[in-house]
């Protein structure tokens, strides 16, 4: 019997993980949550961001022309 390592993406991400996934700082993530641009849920006192909301936020970003 073999054990295969299965990599499962979390459904709810911490602010730190969201910052890492988006290559942004923690403060920027908190600002995006406060402005409503990045939806989040509260579990007790903890704020968590759905992985689907992170992906949707990244998908709606448009390239900037210089």
PDB file of N, CA and C in Angstrom:
ATOM      1  N   UNK A   1       0.843  -1.174   0.000  1.00  0.00           N
ATOM      2  CA  UNK A   1       0.000   0.000   0.000  1.00  0.00           C
ATOM      3  C   UNK A   1       0.886   1.234   0.000  1.00  0.00           C
ATOM      4  N   UNK A   2       0.595   2.181  -0.872  1.00  0.00           N
ATOM      5  CA  UNK A   2       1.408   3.395  -0.928  1.00  0.00           C
ATOM      6  C   UNK A   2       0.582   4.592  -0.502  1.00  0.00           C
ATOM      7  N   UNK A   3       1.263   5.562   0.041  1.00  0.00           N
ATOM      8  CA  UNK A   3       0.608   6.799   0.465  1.00  0.00           C
ATOM      9  C   UNK A   3       1.036   7.898  -0.489  1.00  0.00           C
ATOM     10  N   UNK A   4       0.085   8.449  -1.196  1.00  0.00           N
ATOM     11  CA  UNK A   4       0.379   9.534  -2.128  1.00  0.00           C
ATOM     12  C   UNK A   4       0.139  10.860  -1.427  1.00  0.00           C
ATOM     13  N   UNK A   5       1.060  11.782  -1.616  1.00  0.00           N
ATOM     14  CA  UNK A   5       0.909  13.119  -1.047  1.00  0.00           C
ATOM     15  C   UNK A   5      -0.059  13.901  -1.928  1.00  0.00           C
ATOM     16  N   UNK A   6      -1.124  14.363  -1.318  1.00  0.00           N
ATOM     17  CA  UNK A   6      -2.124  15.131  -2.052  1.00  0.00           C
ATOM     18  C   UNK A   6      -2.047  16.575  -1.585  1.00  0.00           C
ATOM     19  N   UNK A   7      -1.823  17.464  -2.525  1.00  0.00           N
ATOM     20  CA  UNK A   7      -1.752  18.876  -2.197  1.00  0.00           C
ATOM     21  C   UNK A   7      -3.140  19.488  -2.385  1.00  0.00           C
ATOM     22  N   UNK A   8      -3.708  19.967  -1.301  1.00  0.00           N
ATOM     23  CA  UNK A   8      -5.041  20.549  -1.340  1.00  0.00           C
ATOM     24  C   UNK A   8      -4.932  22.017  -0.960  1.00  0.00           C
ATOM     25  N   UNK A   9      -5.447  22.881  -1.833  1.00  0.00           N
ATOM     26  CA  UNK A   9      -5.441  24.306  -1.529  1.00  0.00           C
ATOM     27  C   UNK A   9      -6.486  24.586  -0.456  1.00  0.00           C
ATOM     28  N   UNK A  10      -6.165  25.420   0.511  1.00  0.00           N
ATOM     29  CA  UNK A  10      -7.139  25.717   1.563  1.00  0.00           C
ATOM     30  C   UNK A  10      -8.342  26.487   1.007  1.00  0.00           C
ATOM     31  N   UNK A  11      -9.489  26.245   1.604  1.00  0.00           N
ATOM     32  CA  UNK A  11     -10.701  26.960   1.203  1.00  0.00           C
ATOM     33  C   UNK A  11     -10.681  28.367   1.782  1.00  0.00           C
ATOM     34  N   UNK A  12     -10.245  28.485   3.037  1.00  0.00           N
ATOM     35  CA  UNK A  12     -10.123  29.783   3.700  1.00  0.00           C
ATOM     36  C   UNK A  12      -8.649  30.064   3.947  1.00  0.00           C
ATOM     37  N   UNK A  13      -8.216  31.254   3.589  1.00  0.00           N
ATOM     38  CA  UNK A  13      -6.809  31.633   3.726  1.00  0.00           C
ATOM     39  C   UNK A  13      -6.641  32.706   4.792  1.00  0.00           C
ATOM     40  N   UNK A  14      -5.527  32.661   5.480  1.00  0.00           N
ATOM     41  CA  UNK A  14      -5.174  33.726   6.415  1.00  0.00           C
ATOM     42  C   UNK A  14      -4.763  34.960   5.609  1.00  0.00           C
ATOM     43  N   UNK A  15      -4.687  36.079   6.287  1.00  0.00           N
ATOM     44  CA  UNK A  15      -4.219  37.307   5.638  1.00  0.00           C
ATOM     45  C   UNK A  15      -2.800  37.104   5.124  1.00  0.00           C
ATOM     46  N   UNK A  16      -1.982  36.431   5.905  1.00  0.00           N
ATOM     47  CA  UNK A  16      -0.589  36.197   5.512  1.00  0.00           C
ATOM     48  C   UNK A  16      -0.512  35.356   4.243  1.00  0.00           C
ATOM     49  N   UNK A  17      -1.337  34.298   4.164  1.00  0.00           N
ATOM     50  CA  UNK A  17      -1.318  33.449   2.978  1.00  0.00           C
ATOM     51  C   UNK A  17      -1.860  34.211   1.765  1.00  0.00           C
ATOM     52  N   UNK A  18      -2.915  34.991   1.951  1.00  0.00           N
ATOM     53  CA  UNK A  18      -3.457  35.798   0.855  1.00  0.00           C
ATOM     54  C   UNK A  18      -2.398  36.770   0.342  1.00  0.00           C
ATOM     55  N   UNK A  19      -1.659  37.388   1.259  1.00  0.00           N
ATOM     56  CA  UNK A  19      -0.595  38.318   0.860  1.00  0.00           C
ATOM     57  C   UNK A  19       0.466  37.596   0.043  1.00  0.00           C
ATOM     58  N   UNK A  20       0.815  36.396   0.470  1.00  0.00           N
ATOM     59  CA  UNK A  20       1.819  35.613  -0.247  1.00  0.00           C
ATOM     60  C   UNK A  20       1.309  35.216  -1.634  1.00  0.00           C
ATOM     61  N   UNK A  21       0.072  34.763  -1.714  1.00  0.00           N
ATOM     62  CA  UNK A  21      -0.496  34.336  -2.997  1.00  0.00           C
ATOM     63  C   UNK A  21      -0.591  35.487  -3.988  1.00  0.00           C
ATOM     64  N   UNK A  22      -0.896  36.687  -3.491  1.00  0.00           N
ATOM     65  CA  UNK A  22      -1.051  37.856  -4.360  1.00  0.00           C
ATOM     66  C   UNK A  22       0.237  38.673  -4.499  1.00  0.00           C
ATOM     67  N   UNK A  23       1.289  38.258  -3.808  1.00  0.00           N
ATOM     68  CA  UNK A  23       2.569  38.988  -3.808  1.00  0.00           C
ATOM     69  C   UNK A  23       2.370  40.428  -3.348  1.00  0.00           C
ATOM     70  N   UNK A  24       1.595  40.587  -2.277  1.00  0.00           N
ATOM     71  CA  UNK A  24       1.338  41.893  -1.688  1.00  0.00           C
ATOM     72  C   UNK A  24       1.694  41.845  -0.215  1.00  0.00           C
ATOM     73  N   UNK A  25       1.753  43.010   0.405  1.00  0.00           N
ATOM     74  CA  UNK A  25       2.024  43.080   1.829  1.00  0.00           C
ATOM     75  C   UNK A  25       0.766  42.860   2.648  1.00  0.00           C
ATOM     76  N   UNK A  26       0.949  42.486   3.908  1.00  0.00           N
ATOM     77  CA  UNK A  26      -0.187  42.282   4.805  1.00  0.00           C
ATOM     78  C   UNK A  26      -1.031  43.539   4.937  1.00  0.00           C
ATOM     79  N   UNK A  27      -0.386  44.680   5.064  1.00  0.00           N
ATOM     80  CA  UNK A  27      -1.113  45.942   5.204  1.00  0.00           C
ATOM     81  C   UNK A  27      -1.996  46.210   3.991  1.00  0.00           C
ATOM     82  N   UNK A  28      -1.495  45.892   2.824  1.00  0.00           N
ATOM     83  CA  UNK A  28      -2.280  46.082   1.603  1.00  0.00           C
ATOM     84  C   UNK A  28      -3.500  45.180   1.614  1.00  0.00           C
ATOM     85  N   UNK A  29      -3.352  43.957   2.070  1.00  0.00           N
ATOM     86  CA  UNK A  29      -4.488  43.027   2.155  1.00  0.00           C
ATOM     87  C   UNK A  29      -5.535  43.588   3.110  1.00  0.00           C
ATOM     88  N   UNK A  30      -5.103  44.085   4.281  1.00  0.00           N
ATOM     89  CA  UNK A  30      -6.049  44.678   5.229  1.00  0.00           C
ATOM     90  C   UNK A  30      -6.753  45.887   4.621  1.00  0.00           C
ATOM     91  N   UNK A  31      -6.037  46.712   3.859  1.00  0.00           N
ATOM     92  CA  UNK A  31      -6.645  47.870   3.193  1.00  0.00           C
ATOM     93  C   UNK A  31      -7.677  47.428   2.157  1.00  0.00           C
ATOM     94  N   UNK A  32      -7.355  46.390   1.391  1.00  0.00           N
ATOM     95  CA  UNK A  32      -8.286  45.871   0.394  1.00  0.00           C
ATOM     96  C   UNK A  32      -9.545  45.302   1.060  1.00  0.00           C
ATOM     97  N   UNK A  33      -9.378  44.663   2.203  1.00  0.00           N
ATOM     98  CA  UNK A  33     -10.529  44.135   2.934  1.00  0.00           C
ATOM     99  C   UNK A  33     -11.370  45.276   3.488  1.00  0.00           C
ATOM    100  N   UNK A  34     -10.729  46.299   4.039  1.00  0.00           N
ATOM    101  CA  UNK A  34     -11.452  47.431   4.621  1.00  0.00           C
ATOM    102  C   UNK A  34     -12.242  48.196   3.561  1.00  0.00           C
ATOM    103  N   UNK A  35     -11.698  48.284   2.348  1.00  0.00           N
ATOM    104  CA  UNK A  35     -12.374  49.018   1.276  1.00  0.00           C
ATOM    105  C   UNK A  35     -13.463  48.185   0.601  1.00  0.00           C
ATOM    106  N   UNK A  36     -13.506  46.893   0.897  1.00  0.00           N
ATOM    107  CA  UNK A  36     -14.497  46.021   0.282  1.00  0.00           C
ATOM    108  C   UNK A  36     -14.055  45.413  -1.035  1.00  0.00           C
ATOM    109  N   UNK A  37     -12.830  45.736  -1.465  1.00  0.00           N
ATOM    110  CA  UNK A  37     -12.333  45.189  -2.729  1.00  0.00           C
ATOM    111  C   UNK A  37     -12.013  43.700  -2.628  1.00  0.00           C
ATOM    112  N   UNK A  38     -11.670  43.250  -1.427  1.00  0.00           N
ATOM    113  CA  UNK A  38     -11.344  41.848  -1.194  1.00  0.00           C
ATOM    114  C   UNK A  38     -12.251  41.336  -0.076  1.00  0.00           C
ATOM    115  N   UNK A  39     -13.296  40.588  -0.434  1.00  0.00           N
ATOM    116  CA  UNK A  39     -14.239  40.107   0.580  1.00  0.00           C
ATOM    117  C   UNK A  39     -13.570  39.154   1.561  1.00  0.00           C
ATOM    118  N   UNK A  40     -14.083  39.141   2.789  1.00  0.00           N
ATOM    119  CA  UNK A  40     -13.551  38.233   3.801  1.00  0.00           C
ATOM    120  C   UNK A  40     -14.676  37.773   4.708  1.00  0.00           C
ATOM    121  N   UNK A  41     -14.404  36.738   5.474  1.00  0.00           N
ATOM    122  CA  UNK A  41     -15.341  36.244   6.473  1.00  0.00           C
ATOM    123  C   UNK A  41     -14.648  36.296   7.821  1.00  0.00           C
ATOM    124  N   UNK A  42     -15.456  36.422   8.861  1.00  0.00           N
ATOM    125  CA  UNK A  42     -14.899  36.385  10.209  1.00  0.00           C
ATOM    126  C   UNK A  42     -15.293  35.069  10.852  1.00  0.00           C
ATOM    127  N   UNK A  43     -14.314  34.402  11.410  1.00  0.00           N
ATOM    128  CA  UNK A  43     -14.519  33.178  12.163  1.00  0.00           C
ATOM    129  C   UNK A  43     -14.026  33.490  13.567  1.00  0.00           C
ATOM    130  N   UNK A  44     -14.957  33.768  14.450  1.00  0.00           N
ATOM    131  CA  UNK A  44     -14.560  34.276  15.764  1.00  0.00           C
ATOM    132  C   UNK A  44     -13.965  35.655  15.568  1.00  0.00           C
ATOM    133  N   UNK A  45     -12.742  35.828  16.048  1.00  0.00           N
ATOM    134  CA  UNK A  45     -12.046  37.107  15.847  1.00  0.00           C
ATOM    135  C   UNK A  45     -11.143  37.096  14.624  1.00  0.00           C
ATOM    136  N   UNK A  46     -10.981  35.931  14.020  1.00  0.00           N
ATOM    137  CA  UNK A  46     -10.066  35.785  12.890  1.00  0.00           C
ATOM    138  C   UNK A  46     -10.744  36.159  11.578  1.00  0.00           C
ATOM    139  N   UNK A  47     -10.010  36.834  10.721  1.00  0.00           N
ATOM    140  CA  UNK A  47     -10.481  37.147   9.371  1.00  0.00           C
ATOM    141  C   UNK A  47      -9.870  36.130   8.426  1.00  0.00           C
ATOM    142  N   UNK A  48     -10.714  35.595   7.576  1.00  0.00           N
ATOM    143  CA  UNK A  48     -10.256  34.631   6.575  1.00  0.00           C
ATOM    144  C   UNK A  48     -10.793  35.054   5.223  1.00  0.00           C
ATOM    145  N   UNK A  49     -10.034  34.757   4.190  1.00  0.00           N
ATOM    146  CA  UNK A  49     -10.395  35.133   2.826  1.00  0.00           C
ATOM    147  C   UNK A  49     -10.572  33.846   2.032  1.00  0.00           C
ATOM    148  N   UNK A  50     -11.726  33.736   1.378  1.00  0.00           N
ATOM    149  CA  UNK A  50     -11.972  32.546   0.559  1.00  0.00           C
ATOM    150  C   UNK A  50     -10.975  32.515  -0.596  1.00  0.00           C
ATOM    151  N   UNK A  51     -10.481  31.331  -0.900  1.00  0.00           N
ATOM    152  CA  UNK A  51      -9.533  31.178  -2.007  1.00  0.00           C
ATOM    153  C   UNK A  51     -10.183  31.628  -3.316  1.00  0.00           C
ATOM    154  N   UNK A  52     -11.473  31.365  -3.470  1.00  0.00           N
ATOM    155  CA  UNK A  52     -12.177  31.785  -4.694  1.00  0.00           C
ATOM    156  C   UNK A  52     -12.214  33.307  -4.815  1.00  0.00           C
ATOM    157  N   UNK A  53     -12.316  34.010  -3.676  1.00  0.00           N
ATOM    158  CA  UNK A  53     -12.308  35.480  -3.708  1.00  0.00           C
ATOM    159  C   UNK A  53     -10.922  36.020  -4.053  1.00  0.00           C
ATOM    160  N   UNK A  54      -9.888  35.330  -3.603  1.00  0.00           N
ATOM    161  CA  UNK A  54      -8.515  35.726  -3.962  1.00  0.00           C
ATOM    162  C   UNK A  54      -8.320  35.575  -5.466  1.00  0.00           C
ATOM    163  N   UNK A  55      -8.753  34.431  -6.002  1.00  0.00           N
ATOM    164  CA  UNK A  55      -8.612  34.183  -7.441  1.00  0.00           C
ATOM    165  C   UNK A  55      -9.429  35.186  -8.257  1.00  0.00           C
ATOM    166  N   UNK A  56     -10.653  35.498  -7.794  1.00  0.00           N
ATOM    167  CA  UNK A  56     -11.503  36.458  -8.507  1.00  0.00           C
ATOM    168  C   UNK A  56     -10.888  37.855  -8.473  1.00  0.00           C
ATOM    169  N   UNK A  57     -10.315  38.240  -7.333  1.00  0.00           N
ATOM    170  CA  UNK A  57      -9.673  39.548  -7.221  1.00  0.00           C
ATOM    171  C   UNK A  57      -8.505  39.649  -8.209  1.00  0.00           C
ATOM    172  N   UNK A  58      -7.680  38.615  -8.256  1.00  0.00           N
ATOM    173  CA  UNK A  58      -6.529  38.625  -9.162  1.00  0.00           C
ATOM    174  C   UNK A  58      -6.984  38.655 -10.623  1.00  0.00           C
ATOM    175  N   UNK A  59      -8.060  37.945 -10.937  1.00  0.00           N
ATOM    176  CA  UNK A  59      -8.547  37.878 -12.320  1.00  0.00           C
ATOM    177  C   UNK A  59      -9.095  39.213 -12.803  1.00  0.00           C
ATOM    178  N   UNK A  60      -9.651  40.023 -11.895  1.00  0.00           N
ATOM    179  CA  UNK A  60     -10.236  41.296 -12.316  1.00  0.00           C
ATOM    180  C   UNK A  60      -9.209  42.416 -12.443  1.00  0.00           C
ATOM    181  N   UNK A  61      -7.979  42.187 -12.011  1.00  0.00           N
ATOM    182  CA  UNK A  61      -6.929  43.204 -12.145  1.00  0.00           C
ATOM    183  C   UNK A  61      -6.576  43.384 -13.620  1.00  0.00           C
ATOM    184  N   UNK A  62      -6.442  44.610 -14.033  1.00  0.00           N
ATOM    185  CA  UNK A  62      -6.113  44.922 -15.429  1.00  0.00           C
ATOM    186  C   UNK A  62      -4.690  45.469 -15.500  1.00  0.00           C
ATOM    187  N   UNK A  63      -3.972  45.089 -16.554  1.00  0.00           N
ATOM    188  CA  UNK A  63      -2.618  45.619 -16.730  1.00  0.00           C
ATOM    189  C   UNK A  63      -2.640  47.138 -16.893  1.00  0.00           C
ATOM    190  N   UNK A  64      -1.643  47.788 -16.371  1.00  0.00           N
ATOM    191  CA  UNK A  64      -1.528  49.253 -16.478  1.00  0.00           C
ATOM    192  C   UNK A  64      -0.591  49.593 -17.632  1.00  0.00           C
ATOM    193  N   UNK A  65      -0.975  50.587 -18.390  1.00  0.00           N
ATOM    194  CA  UNK A  65      -0.078  51.053 -19.458  1.00  0.00           C
ATOM    195  C   UNK A  65       0.841  52.121 -18.861  1.00  0.00           C
ATOM    196  N   UNK A  66       2.017  52.227 -19.390  1.00  0.00           N
ATOM    197  CA  UNK A  66       2.997  53.161 -18.866  1.00  0.00           C
ATOM    198  C   UNK A  66       3.044  54.455 -19.608  1.00  0.00           C
TER     199      UNK A  66
END
